[in-house]
Amino acid sequence: MQTIEANISIKIPDEYVIIKRIDFQELRAEAEKGVTWGLADMKRELGIPKSLEWIREVLLKPNRQEIDRENGGWCVFGEGRGHRYSIQPSGARKWFEENWKQIDWDEPLEGYE
């Protein structure tokens, strides 16, 4: 096996800063304190490639026991038409990262097959 060593310079524009990942995560967590997401915010921020209805019916409702604020979770379920879901960003991020592999991304939305 051959190894090549090289020294390179990369110019970083003045409007950018390089920081450690942990510092970035702490800054993001701090910025999200006191913030509440709706479903569209959760979809956008977590990069969920599904419809809002799929998120509600396939991702959230089946996991209600675990994620409902009434049980110590991070989601307030909107009941009925016109009632919004309220989602705590830090709790949603943590749960999503821990459960991503268990999510069946191919599960169809009932009644829309």
PDB file of N, CA and C in Angstrom:
ATOM      1  N   MET A   1       0.845  -1.168   0.000  1.00  0.00           N
ATOM      2  CA  MET A   1       0.000   0.000   0.000  1.00  0.00           C
ATOM      3  C   MET A   1       0.897   1.239   0.000  1.00  0.00           C
ATOM      4  N   GLN A   2       0.518   2.229  -0.769  1.00  0.00           N
ATOM      5  CA  GLN A   2       1.263   3.482  -0.823  1.00  0.00           C
ATOM      6  C   GLN A   2       0.544   4.542  -0.012  1.00  0.00           C
ATOM      7  N   THR A   3       1.314   5.424   0.567  1.00  0.00           N
ATOM      8  CA  THR A   3       0.755   6.527   1.331  1.00  0.00           C
ATOM      9  C   THR A   3       1.323   7.828   0.793  1.00  0.00           C
ATOM     10  N   ILE A   4       0.460   8.783   0.604  1.00  0.00           N
ATOM     11  CA  ILE A   4       0.881  10.107   0.152  1.00  0.00           C
ATOM     12  C   ILE A   4       0.520  11.100   1.244  1.00  0.00           C
ATOM     13  N   GLU A   5       1.479  11.917   1.607  1.00  0.00           N
ATOM     14  CA  GLU A   5       1.240  12.964   2.575  1.00  0.00           C
ATOM     15  C   GLU A   5       1.199  14.285   1.842  1.00  0.00           C
ATOM     16  N   ALA A   6       0.239  15.132   2.224  1.00  0.00           N
ATOM     17  CA  ALA A   6       0.133  16.422   1.556  1.00  0.00           C
ATOM     18  C   ALA A   6      -0.322  17.478   2.552  1.00  0.00           C
ATOM     19  N   ASN A   7       0.189  18.656   2.391  1.00  0.00           N
ATOM     20  CA  ASN A   7      -0.269  19.810   3.146  1.00  0.00           C
ATOM     21  C   ASN A   7      -1.044  20.686   2.190  1.00  0.00           C
ATOM     22  N   ILE A   8      -2.270  21.032   2.573  1.00  0.00           N
ATOM     23  CA  ILE A   8      -3.075  21.893   1.707  1.00  0.00           C
ATOM     24  C   ILE A   8      -3.616  23.065   2.500  1.00  0.00           C
ATOM     25  N   SER A   9      -3.934  24.105   1.796  1.00  0.00           N
ATOM     26  CA  SER A   9      -4.559  25.274   2.410  1.00  0.00           C
ATOM     27  C   SER A   9      -5.951  25.424   1.813  1.00  0.00           C
ATOM     28  N   ILE A  10      -6.895  25.669   2.682  1.00  0.00           N
ATOM     29  CA  ILE A  10      -8.268  25.898   2.230  1.00  0.00           C
ATOM     30  C   ILE A  10      -8.688  27.261   2.742  1.00  0.00           C
ATOM     31  N   LYS A  11      -9.096  28.125   1.835  1.00  0.00           N
ATOM     32  CA  LYS A  11      -9.546  29.458   2.229  1.00  0.00           C
ATOM     33  C   LYS A  11     -11.005  29.377   2.658  1.00  0.00           C
ATOM     34  N   ILE A  12     -11.280  29.918   3.808  1.00  0.00           N
ATOM     35  CA  ILE A  12     -12.640  29.930   4.338  1.00  0.00           C
ATOM     36  C   ILE A  12     -13.123  31.380   4.312  1.00  0.00           C
ATOM     37  N   PRO A  13     -14.238  31.630   3.636  1.00  0.00           N
ATOM     38  CA  PRO A  13     -14.767  32.995   3.577  1.00  0.00           C
ATOM     39  C   PRO A  13     -15.008  33.551   4.982  1.00  0.00           C
ATOM     40  N   ASP A  14     -14.886  34.867   5.118  1.00  0.00           N
ATOM     41  CA  ASP A  14     -15.013  35.524   6.416  1.00  0.00           C
ATOM     42  C   ASP A  14     -16.358  35.283   7.096  1.00  0.00           C
ATOM     43  N   GLU A  15     -17.417  35.032   6.298  1.00  0.00           N
ATOM     44  CA  GLU A  15     -18.739  34.849   6.912  1.00  0.00           C
ATOM     45  C   GLU A  15     -18.952  33.440   7.478  1.00  0.00           C
ATOM     46  N   TYR A  16     -17.941  32.558   7.358  1.00  0.00           N
ATOM     47  CA  TYR A  16     -18.037  31.202   7.892  1.00  0.00           C
ATOM     48  C   TYR A  16     -17.054  31.015   9.032  1.00  0.00           C
ATOM     49  N   VAL A  17     -17.409  30.101   9.931  1.00  0.00           N
ATOM     50  CA  VAL A  17     -16.573  29.778  11.077  1.00  0.00           C
ATOM     51  C   VAL A  17     -16.541  28.262  11.224  1.00  0.00           C
ATOM     52  N   ILE A  18     -15.399  27.717  11.542  1.00  0.00           N
ATOM     53  CA  ILE A  18     -15.302  26.296  11.807  1.00  0.00           C
ATOM     54  C   ILE A  18     -15.347  26.104  13.316  1.00  0.00           C
ATOM     55  N   ILE A  19     -16.280  25.255  13.758  1.00  0.00           N
ATOM     56  CA  ILE A  19     -16.381  24.963  15.188  1.00  0.00           C
ATOM     57  C   ILE A  19     -16.514  23.446  15.380  1.00  0.00           C
ATOM     58  N   LYS A  20     -16.241  22.994  16.573  1.00  0.00           N
ATOM     59  CA  LYS A  20     -16.390  21.583  16.899  1.00  0.00           C
ATOM     60  C   LYS A  20     -17.867  21.211  16.849  1.00  0.00           C
ATOM     61  N   ARG A  21     -18.145  19.960  16.476  1.00  0.00           N
ATOM     62  CA  ARG A  21     -19.527  19.475  16.385  1.00  0.00           C
ATOM     63  C   ARG A  21     -20.264  19.655  17.714  1.00  0.00           C
ATOM     64  N   ILE A  22     -19.598  19.345  18.809  1.00  0.00           N
ATOM     65  CA  ILE A  22     -20.251  19.446  20.112  1.00  0.00           C
ATOM     66  C   ILE A  22     -20.631  20.896  20.414  1.00  0.00           C
ATOM     67  N   ASP A  23     -19.772  21.831  20.022  1.00  0.00           N
ATOM     68  CA  ASP A  23     -20.083  23.246  20.225  1.00  0.00           C
ATOM     69  C   ASP A  23     -21.294  23.648  19.390  1.00  0.00           C
ATOM     70  N   PHE A  24     -21.354  23.148  18.167  1.00  0.00           N
ATOM     71  CA  PHE A  24     -22.495  23.437  17.294  1.00  0.00           C
ATOM     72  C   PHE A  24     -23.782  22.883  17.896  1.00  0.00           C
ATOM     73  N   GLN A  25     -23.730  21.658  18.390  1.00  0.00           N
ATOM     74  CA  GLN A  25     -24.921  21.037  18.968  1.00  0.00           C
ATOM     75  C   GLN A  25     -25.383  21.797  20.204  1.00  0.00           C
ATOM     76  N   GLU A  26     -24.440  22.258  21.004  1.00  0.00           N
ATOM     77  CA  GLU A  26     -24.799  23.043  22.185  1.00  0.00           C
ATOM     78  C   GLU A  26     -25.426  24.376  21.797  1.00  0.00           C
ATOM     79  N   LEU A  27     -24.866  25.014  20.771  1.00  0.00           N
ATOM     80  CA  LEU A  27     -25.437  26.281  20.296  1.00  0.00           C
ATOM     81  C   LEU A  27     -26.855  26.078  19.769  1.00  0.00           C
ATOM     82  N   ARG A  28     -27.065  25.009  19.003  1.00  0.00           N
ATOM     83  CA  ARG A  28     -28.396  24.717  18.459  1.00  0.00           C
ATOM     84  C   ARG A  28     -29.378  24.443  19.590  1.00  0.00           C
ATOM     85  N   ALA A  29     -28.951  23.644  20.575  1.00  0.00           N
ATOM     86  CA  ALA A  29     -29.824  23.329  21.709  1.00  0.00           C
ATOM     87  C   ALA A  29     -30.197  24.593  22.465  1.00  0.00           C
ATOM     88  N   GLU A  30     -29.242  25.467  22.637  1.00  0.00           N
ATOM     89  CA  GLU A  30     -29.502  26.731  23.337  1.00  0.00           C
ATOM     90  C   GLU A  30     -30.490  27.592  22.554  1.00  0.00           C
ATOM     91  N   ALA A  31     -30.329  27.638  21.234  1.00  0.00           N
ATOM     92  CA  ALA A  31     -31.216  28.435  20.382  1.00  0.00           C
ATOM     93  C   ALA A  31     -32.637  27.883  20.367  1.00  0.00           C
ATOM     94  N   GLU A  32     -32.793  26.581  20.628  1.00  0.00           N
ATOM     95  CA  GLU A  32     -34.120  25.958  20.584  1.00  0.00           C
ATOM     96  C   GLU A  32     -34.848  26.002  21.919  1.00  0.00           C
ATOM     97  N   LYS A  33     -34.190  26.473  22.965  1.00  0.00           N
ATOM     98  CA  LYS A  33     -34.860  26.564  24.260  1.00  0.00           C
ATOM     99  C   LYS A  33     -36.033  27.526  24.148  1.00  0.00           C
ATOM    100  N   GLY A  34     -37.170  27.097  24.629  1.00  0.00           N
ATOM    101  CA  GLY A  34     -38.363  27.941  24.603  1.00  0.00           C
ATOM    102  C   GLY A  34     -39.060  27.971  23.251  1.00  0.00           C
ATOM    103  N   VAL A  35     -38.557  27.216  22.277  1.00  0.00           N
ATOM    104  CA  VAL A  35     -39.148  27.168  20.944  1.00  0.00           C
ATOM    105  C   VAL A  35     -40.074  25.962  20.865  1.00  0.00           C
ATOM    106  N   THR A  36     -41.175  26.113  20.168  1.00  0.00           N
ATOM    107  CA  THR A  36     -42.103  25.011  19.936  1.00  0.00           C
ATOM    108  C   THR A  36     -42.265  24.830  18.440  1.00  0.00           C
ATOM    109  N   TRP A  37     -42.209  23.589  17.988  1.00  0.00           N
ATOM    110  CA  TRP A  37     -42.443  23.278  16.583  1.00  0.00           C
ATOM    111  C   TRP A  37     -43.872  22.836  16.369  1.00  0.00           C
ATOM    112  N   GLY A  38     -44.358  23.044  15.143  1.00  0.00           N
ATOM    113  CA  GLY A  38     -45.555  22.389  14.656  1.00  0.00           C
ATOM    114  C   GLY A  38     -45.087  21.213  13.812  1.00  0.00           C
ATOM    115  N   LEU A  39     -46.020  20.497  13.190  1.00  0.00           N
ATOM    116  CA  LEU A  39     -45.637  19.339  12.368  1.00  0.00           C
ATOM    117  C   LEU A  39     -44.763  19.736  11.186  1.00  0.00           C
ATOM    118  N   ALA A  40     -45.103  20.842  10.521  1.00  0.00           N
ATOM    119  CA  ALA A  40     -44.309  21.276   9.355  1.00  0.00           C
ATOM    120  C   ALA A  40     -42.885  21.626   9.769  1.00  0.00           C
ATOM    121  N   ASP A  41     -42.733  22.236  10.941  1.00  0.00           N
ATOM    122  CA  ASP A  41     -41.392  22.560  11.453  1.00  0.00           C
ATOM    123  C   ASP A  41     -40.601  21.284  11.704  1.00  0.00           C
ATOM    124  N   MET A  42     -41.252  20.295  12.317  1.00  0.00           N
ATOM    125  CA  MET A  42     -40.589  19.026  12.600  1.00  0.00           C
ATOM    126  C   MET A  42     -40.155  18.352  11.307  1.00  0.00           C
ATOM    127  N   LYS A  43     -41.039  18.324  10.326  1.00  0.00           N
ATOM    128  CA  LYS A  43     -40.728  17.718   9.025  1.00  0.00           C
ATOM    129  C   LYS A  43     -39.494  18.379   8.405  1.00  0.00           C
ATOM    130  N   ARG A  44     -39.478  19.706   8.414  1.00  0.00           N
ATOM    131  CA  ARG A  44     -38.373  20.457   7.816  1.00  0.00           C
ATOM    132  C   ARG A  44     -37.075  20.294   8.603  1.00  0.00           C
ATOM    133  N   GLU A  45     -37.133  20.486   9.882  1.00  0.00           N
ATOM    134  CA  GLU A  45     -35.923  20.477  10.711  1.00  0.00           C
ATOM    135  C   GLU A  45     -35.280  19.097  10.826  1.00  0.00           C
ATOM    136  N   LEU A  46     -36.094  18.043  10.807  1.00  0.00           N
ATOM    137  CA  LEU A  46     -35.550  16.695  10.912  1.00  0.00           C
ATOM    138  C   LEU A  46     -35.355  16.042   9.553  1.00  0.00           C
ATOM    139  N   GLY A  47     -35.764  16.738   8.491  1.00  0.00           N
ATOM    140  CA  GLY A  47     -35.579  16.216   7.137  1.00  0.00           C
ATOM    141  C   GLY A  47     -36.401  14.969   6.863  1.00  0.00           C
ATOM    142  N   ILE A  48     -37.610  14.931   7.358  1.00  0.00           N
ATOM    143  CA  ILE A  48     -38.469  13.758   7.175  1.00  0.00           C
ATOM    144  C   ILE A  48     -39.082  13.808   5.777  1.00  0.00           C
ATOM    145  N   PRO A  49     -38.799  12.807   4.941  1.00  0.00           N
ATOM    146  CA  PRO A  49     -39.243  12.834   3.542  1.00  0.00           C
ATOM    147  C   PRO A  49     -40.651  12.282   3.328  1.00  0.00           C
ATOM    148  N   LYS A  50     -41.561  12.599   4.217  1.00  0.00           N
ATOM    149  CA  LYS A  50     -42.932  12.095   4.141  1.00  0.00           C
ATOM    150  C   LYS A  50     -43.909  13.248   4.329  1.00  0.00           C
ATOM    151  N   SER A  51     -45.181  12.994   4.002  1.00  0.00           N
ATOM    152  CA  SER A  51     -46.214  14.018   4.151  1.00  0.00           C
ATOM    153  C   SER A  51     -46.512  14.270   5.633  1.00  0.00           C
ATOM    154  N   LEU A  52     -47.135  15.401   5.912  1.00  0.00           N
ATOM    155  CA  LEU A  52     -47.515  15.708   7.288  1.00  0.00           C
ATOM    156  C   LEU A  52     -48.502  14.669   7.809  1.00  0.00           C
ATOM    157  N   GLU A  53     -49.395  14.218   6.952  1.00  0.00           N
ATOM    158  CA  GLU A  53     -50.359  13.201   7.365  1.00  0.00           C
ATOM    159  C   GLU A  53     -49.655  11.893   7.721  1.00  0.00           C
ATOM    160  N   TRP A  54     -48.642  11.499   6.936  1.00  0.00           N
ATOM    161  CA  TRP A  54     -47.883  10.280   7.235  1.00  0.00           C
ATOM    162  C   TRP A  54     -47.167  10.433   8.577  1.00  0.00           C
ATOM    163  N   ILE A  55     -46.585  11.584   8.804  1.00  0.00           N
ATOM    164  CA  ILE A  55     -45.890  11.829  10.070  1.00  0.00           C
ATOM    165  C   ILE A  55     -46.868  11.684  11.235  1.00  0.00           C
ATOM    166  N   ARG A  56     -48.047  12.282  11.085  1.00  0.00           N
ATOM    167  CA  ARG A  56     -49.058  12.241  12.139  1.00  0.00           C
ATOM    168  C   ARG A  56     -49.572  10.805  12.365  1.00  0.00           C
ATOM    169  N   GLU A  57     -49.957  10.122  11.280  1.00  0.00           N
ATOM    170  CA  GLU A  57     -50.635   8.827  11.385  1.00  0.00           C
ATOM    171  C   GLU A  57     -49.701   7.633  11.567  1.00  0.00           C
ATOM    172  N   VAL A  58     -48.524   7.677  10.982  1.00  0.00           N
ATOM    173  CA  VAL A  58     -47.615   6.521  11.013  1.00  0.00           C
ATOM    174  C   VAL A  58     -46.493   6.694  12.032  1.00  0.00           C
ATOM    175  N   LEU A  59     -46.019   7.913  12.202  1.00  0.00           N
ATOM    176  CA  LEU A  59     -44.883   8.148  13.085  1.00  0.00           C
ATOM    177  C   LEU A  59     -45.320   8.528  14.508  1.00  0.00           C
ATOM    178  N   LEU A  60     -46.215   9.501  14.626  1.00  0.00           N
ATOM    179  CA  LEU A  60     -46.557  10.019  15.954  1.00  0.00           C
ATOM    180  C   LEU A  60     -47.623   9.218  16.686  1.00  0.00           C
ATOM    181  N   LYS A  61     -48.785   9.033  16.057  1.00  0.00           N
ATOM    182  CA  LYS A  61     -49.895   8.388  16.776  1.00  0.00           C
ATOM    183  C   LYS A  61     -49.569   6.992  17.295  1.00  0.00           C
ATOM    184  N   PRO A  62     -48.900   6.130  16.525  1.00  0.00           N
ATOM    185  CA  PRO A  62     -48.575   4.807  17.065  1.00  0.00           C
ATOM    186  C   PRO A  62     -47.589   4.848  18.242  1.00  0.00           C
ATOM    187  N   ASN A  63     -46.875   5.938  18.395  1.00  0.00           N
ATOM    188  CA  ASN A  63     -45.893   6.082  19.479  1.00  0.00           C
ATOM    189  C   ASN A  63     -46.378   7.020  20.577  1.00  0.00           C
ATOM    190  N   ARG A  64     -47.671   7.289  20.571  1.00  0.00           N
ATOM    191  CA  ARG A  64     -48.239   8.278  21.485  1.00  0.00           C
ATOM    192  C   ARG A  64     -47.906   7.991  22.951  1.00  0.00           C
ATOM    193  N   GLN A  65     -48.032   6.750  23.357  1.00  0.00           N
ATOM    194  CA  GLN A  65     -47.779   6.396  24.757  1.00  0.00           C
ATOM    195  C   GLN A  65     -46.403   6.887  25.211  1.00  0.00           C
ATOM    196  N   GLU A  66     -45.422   6.757  24.342  1.00  0.00           N
ATOM    197  CA  GLU A  66     -44.050   7.127  24.678  1.00  0.00           C
ATOM    198  C   GLU A  66     -43.779   8.622  24.561  1.00  0.00           C
ATOM    199  N   ILE A  67     -44.361   9.284  23.558  1.00  0.00           N
ATOM    200  CA  ILE A  67     -43.960  10.669  23.251  1.00  0.00           C
ATOM    201  C   ILE A  67     -44.921  11.745  23.743  1.00  0.00           C
ATOM    202  N   ASP A  68     -46.097  11.357  24.238  1.00  0.00           N
ATOM    203  CA  ASP A  68     -47.090  12.335  24.697  1.00  0.00           C
ATOM    204  C   ASP A  68     -46.582  13.085  25.923  1.00  0.00           C
ATOM    205  N   ARG A  69     -46.740  14.382  25.931  1.00  0.00           N
ATOM    206  CA  ARG A  69     -46.296  15.200  27.059  1.00  0.00           C
ATOM    207  C   ARG A  69     -46.934  14.740  28.366  1.00  0.00           C
ATOM    208  N   GLU A  70     -48.159  14.264  28.302  1.00  0.00           N
ATOM    209  CA  GLU A  70     -48.841  13.796  29.513  1.00  0.00           C
ATOM    210  C   GLU A  70     -48.110  12.613  30.152  1.00  0.00           C
ATOM    211  N   ASN A  71     -47.282  11.932  29.375  1.00  0.00           N
ATOM    212  CA  ASN A  71     -46.496  10.799  29.881  1.00  0.00           C
ATOM    213  C   ASN A  71     -45.019  11.155  30.010  1.00  0.00           C
ATOM    214  N   GLY A  72     -44.702  12.447  29.984  1.00  0.00           N
ATOM    215  CA  GLY A  72     -43.312  12.888  30.114  1.00  0.00           C
ATOM    216  C   GLY A  72     -42.591  13.037  28.794  1.00  0.00           C
ATOM    217  N   GLY A  73     -43.319  12.956  27.690  1.00  0.00           N
ATOM    218  CA  GLY A  73     -42.713  13.049  26.366  1.00  0.00           C
ATOM    219  C   GLY A  73     -42.597  14.474  25.853  1.00  0.00           C
ATOM    220  N   TRP A  74     -42.441  14.596  24.544  1.00  0.00           N
ATOM    221  CA  TRP A  74     -42.122  15.869  23.906  1.00  0.00           C
ATOM    222  C   TRP A  74     -43.189  16.365  22.933  1.00  0.00           C
ATOM    223  N   CYS A  75     -44.355  15.712  22.877  1.00  0.00           N
ATOM    224  CA  CYS A  75     -45.381  16.076  21.909  1.00  0.00           C
ATOM    225  C   CYS A  75     -46.731  16.302  22.576  1.00  0.00           C
ATOM    226  N   VAL A  76     -47.356  17.433  22.247  1.00  0.00           N
ATOM    227  CA  VAL A  76     -48.738  17.685  22.643  1.00  0.00           C
ATOM    228  C   VAL A  76     -49.569  17.423  21.397  1.00  0.00           C
ATOM    229  N   PHE A  77     -50.432  16.429  21.482  1.00  0.00           N
ATOM    230  CA  PHE A  77     -51.223  16.024  20.325  1.00  0.00           C
ATOM    231  C   PHE A  77     -52.390  16.974  20.102  1.00  0.00           C
ATOM    232  N   GLY A  78     -52.511  17.454  18.868  1.00  0.00           N
ATOM    233  CA  GLY A  78     -53.637  18.294  18.488  1.00  0.00           C
ATOM    234  C   GLY A  78     -54.854  17.411  18.277  1.00  0.00           C
ATOM    235  N   GLU A  79     -55.898  17.643  19.024  1.00  0.00           N
ATOM    236  CA  GLU A  79     -57.104  16.825  18.918  1.00  0.00           C
ATOM    237  C   GLU A  79     -58.163  17.571  18.116  1.00  0.00           C
ATOM    238  N   GLY A  80     -58.649  16.954  17.070  1.00  0.00           N
ATOM    239  CA  GLY A  80     -59.714  17.551  16.266  1.00  0.00           C
ATOM    240  C   GLY A  80     -59.183  18.562  15.267  1.00  0.00           C
ATOM    241  N   ARG A  81     -60.082  19.033  14.415  1.00  0.00           N
ATOM    242  CA  ARG A  81     -59.703  19.981  13.368  1.00  0.00           C
ATOM    243  C   ARG A  81     -59.312  21.330  13.966  1.00  0.00           C
ATOM    244  N   GLY A  82     -58.228  21.883  13.424  1.00  0.00           N
ATOM    245  CA  GLY A  82     -57.797  23.206  13.858  1.00  0.00           C
ATOM    246  C   GLY A  82     -56.910  23.228  15.087  1.00  0.00           C
ATOM    247  N   HIS A  83     -56.685  22.086  15.699  1.00  0.00           N
ATOM    248  CA  HIS A  83     -55.813  22.035  16.869  1.00  0.00           C
ATOM    249  C   HIS A  83     -54.420  21.585  16.435  1.00  0.00           C
ATOM    250  N   ARG A  84     -53.450  22.400  16.754  1.00  0.00           N
ATOM    251  CA  ARG A  84     -52.070  22.136  16.335  1.00  0.00           C
ATOM    252  C   ARG A  84     -51.356  21.173  17.273  1.00  0.00           C
ATOM    253  N   TYR A  85     -50.416  20.452  16.698  1.00  0.00           N
ATOM    254  CA  TYR A  85     -49.482  19.678  17.502  1.00  0.00           C
ATOM    255  C   TYR A  85     -48.417  20.652  17.992  1.00  0.00           C
ATOM    256  N   SER A  86     -47.968  20.467  19.217  1.00  0.00           N
ATOM    257  CA  SER A  86     -46.864  21.258  19.763  1.00  0.00           C
ATOM    258  C   SER A  86     -45.743  20.290  20.105  1.00  0.00           C
ATOM    259  N   ILE A  87     -44.586  20.575  19.556  1.00  0.00           N
ATOM    260  CA  ILE A  87     -43.467  19.641  19.661  1.00  0.00           C
ATOM    261  C   ILE A  87     -42.253  20.341  20.254  1.00  0.00           C
ATOM    262  N   GLN A  88     -41.656  19.719  21.263  1.00  0.00           N
ATOM    263  CA  GLN A  88     -40.435  20.246  21.868  1.00  0.00           C
ATOM    264  C   GLN A  88     -39.257  19.773  21.008  1.00  0.00           C
ATOM    265  N   PRO A  89     -38.530  20.702  20.369  1.00  0.00           N
ATOM    266  CA  PRO A  89     -37.455  20.320  19.447  1.00  0.00           C
ATOM    267  C   PRO A  89     -36.402  19.380  20.022  1.00  0.00           C
ATOM    268  N   SER A  90     -35.902  19.655  21.218  1.00  0.00           N
ATOM    269  CA  SER A  90     -34.822  18.822  21.761  1.00  0.00           C
ATOM    270  C   SER A  90     -35.289  17.391  21.990  1.00  0.00           C
ATOM    271  N   GLY A  91     -36.492  17.222  22.506  1.00  0.00           N
ATOM    272  CA  GLY A  91     -37.025  15.880  22.727  1.00  0.00           C
ATOM    273  C   GLY A  91     -37.276  15.150  21.419  1.00  0.00           C
ATOM    274  N   ALA A  92     -37.810  15.868  20.428  1.00  0.00           N
ATOM    275  CA  ALA A  92     -38.096  15.258  19.128  1.00  0.00           C
ATOM    276  C   ALA A  92     -36.798  14.822  18.449  1.00  0.00           C
ATOM    277  N   ARG A  93     -35.780  15.672  18.479  1.00  0.00           N
ATOM    278  CA  ARG A  93     -34.487  15.324  17.862  1.00  0.00           C
ATOM    279  C   ARG A  93     -33.895  14.063  18.502  1.00  0.00           C
ATOM    280  N   LYS A  94     -33.891  14.039  19.817  1.00  0.00           N
ATOM    281  CA  LYS A  94     -33.313  12.901  20.543  1.00  0.00           C
ATOM    282  C   LYS A  94     -34.077  11.621  20.213  1.00  0.00           C
ATOM    283  N   TRP A  95     -35.415  11.655  20.288  1.00  0.00           N
ATOM    284  CA  TRP A  95     -36.232  10.481  19.997  1.00  0.00           C
ATOM    285  C   TRP A  95     -36.037  10.019  18.560  1.00  0.00           C
ATOM    286  N   PHE A  96     -36.010  10.974  17.627  1.00  0.00           N
ATOM    287  CA  PHE A  96     -35.863  10.645  16.212  1.00  0.00           C
ATOM    288  C   PHE A  96     -34.525   9.952  15.958  1.00  0.00           C
ATOM    289  N   GLU A  97     -33.458  10.473  16.533  1.00  0.00           N
ATOM    290  CA  GLU A  97     -32.134   9.854  16.365  1.00  0.00           C
ATOM    291  C   GLU A  97     -32.101   8.453  16.964  1.00  0.00           C
ATOM    292  N   GLU A  98     -32.696   8.276  18.133  1.00  0.00           N
ATOM    293  CA  GLU A  98     -32.681   6.975  18.802  1.00  0.00           C
ATOM    294  C   GLU A  98     -33.560   5.939  18.102  1.00  0.00           C
ATOM    295  N   ASN A  99     -34.599   6.383  17.403  1.00  0.00           N
ATOM    296  CA  ASN A  99     -35.571   5.468  16.809  1.00  0.00           C
ATOM    297  C   ASN A  99     -35.543   5.397  15.293  1.00  0.00           C
ATOM    298  N   TRP A 100     -34.648   6.121  14.657  1.00  0.00           N
ATOM    299  CA  TRP A 100     -34.626   6.211  13.191  1.00  0.00           C
ATOM    300  C   TRP A 100     -34.582   4.839  12.532  1.00  0.00           C
ATOM    301  N   LYS A 101     -33.751   3.941  13.035  1.00  0.00           N
ATOM    302  CA  LYS A 101     -33.601   2.615  12.419  1.00  0.00           C
ATOM    303  C   LYS A 101     -34.863   1.763  12.543  1.00  0.00           C
ATOM    304  N   GLN A 102     -35.686   2.018  13.540  1.00  0.00           N
ATOM    305  CA  GLN A 102     -36.896   1.229  13.734  1.00  0.00           C
ATOM    306  C   GLN A 102     -38.084   1.752  12.924  1.00  0.00           C
ATOM    307  N   ILE A 103     -37.962   2.922  12.348  1.00  0.00           N
ATOM    308  CA  ILE A 103     -39.069   3.502  11.585  1.00  0.00           C
ATOM    309  C   ILE A 103     -39.191   2.788  10.245  1.00  0.00           C
ATOM    310  N   ASP A 104     -40.398   2.345   9.921  1.00  0.00           N
ATOM    311  CA  ASP A 104     -40.654   1.690   8.631  1.00  0.00           C
ATOM    312  C   ASP A 104     -41.003   2.782   7.623  1.00  0.00           C
ATOM    313  N   TRP A 105     -39.990   3.249   6.917  1.00  0.00           N
ATOM    314  CA  TRP A 105     -40.163   4.358   5.981  1.00  0.00           C
ATOM    315  C   TRP A 105     -41.019   3.992   4.772  1.00  0.00           C
ATOM    316  N   ASP A 106     -41.226   2.701   4.556  1.00  0.00           N
ATOM    317  CA  ASP A 106     -42.046   2.250   3.427  1.00  0.00           C
ATOM    318  C   ASP A 106     -43.491   1.960   3.844  1.00  0.00           C
ATOM    319  N   GLU A 107     -43.795   2.148   5.113  1.00  0.00           N
ATOM    320  CA  GLU A 107     -45.163   1.868   5.568  1.00  0.00           C
ATOM    321  C   GLU A 107     -46.135   2.823   4.880  1.00  0.00           C
ATOM    322  N   PRO A 108     -47.165   2.243   4.238  1.00  0.00           N
ATOM    323  CA  PRO A 108     -48.131   3.100   3.537  1.00  0.00           C
ATOM    324  C   PRO A 108     -49.069   3.802   4.509  1.00  0.00           C
ATOM    325  N   LEU A 109     -49.623   4.876   4.065  1.00  0.00           N
ATOM    326  CA  LEU A 109     -50.615   5.617   4.834  1.00  0.00           C
ATOM    327  C   LEU A 109     -51.952   4.935   4.598  1.00  0.00           C
ATOM    328  N   GLU A 110     -52.581   4.410   5.640  1.00  0.00           N
ATOM    329  CA  GLU A 110     -53.843   3.684   5.515  1.00  0.00           C
ATOM    330  C   GLU A 110     -54.876   4.506   4.730  1.00  0.00           C
ATOM    331  N   GLY A 111     -55.549   3.853   3.806  1.00  0.00           N
ATOM    332  CA  GLY A 111     -56.599   4.508   3.032  1.00  0.00           C
ATOM    333  C   GLY A 111     -56.099   5.269   1.824  1.00  0.00           C
ATOM    334  N   TYR A 112     -54.764   5.327   1.621  1.00  0.00           N
ATOM    335  CA  TYR A 112     -54.192   6.073   0.499  1.00  0.00           C
ATOM    336  C   TYR A 112     -53.361   5.171  -0.392  1.00  0.00           C
ATOM    337  N   GLU A 113     -53.537   3.862  -0.277  1.00  0.00           N
ATOM    338  CA  GLU A 113     -52.723   2.911  -1.037  1.00  0.00           C
ATOM    339  C   GLU A 113     -53.236   2.790  -2.458  1.00  0.00           C
TER     340      GLU A 113
END
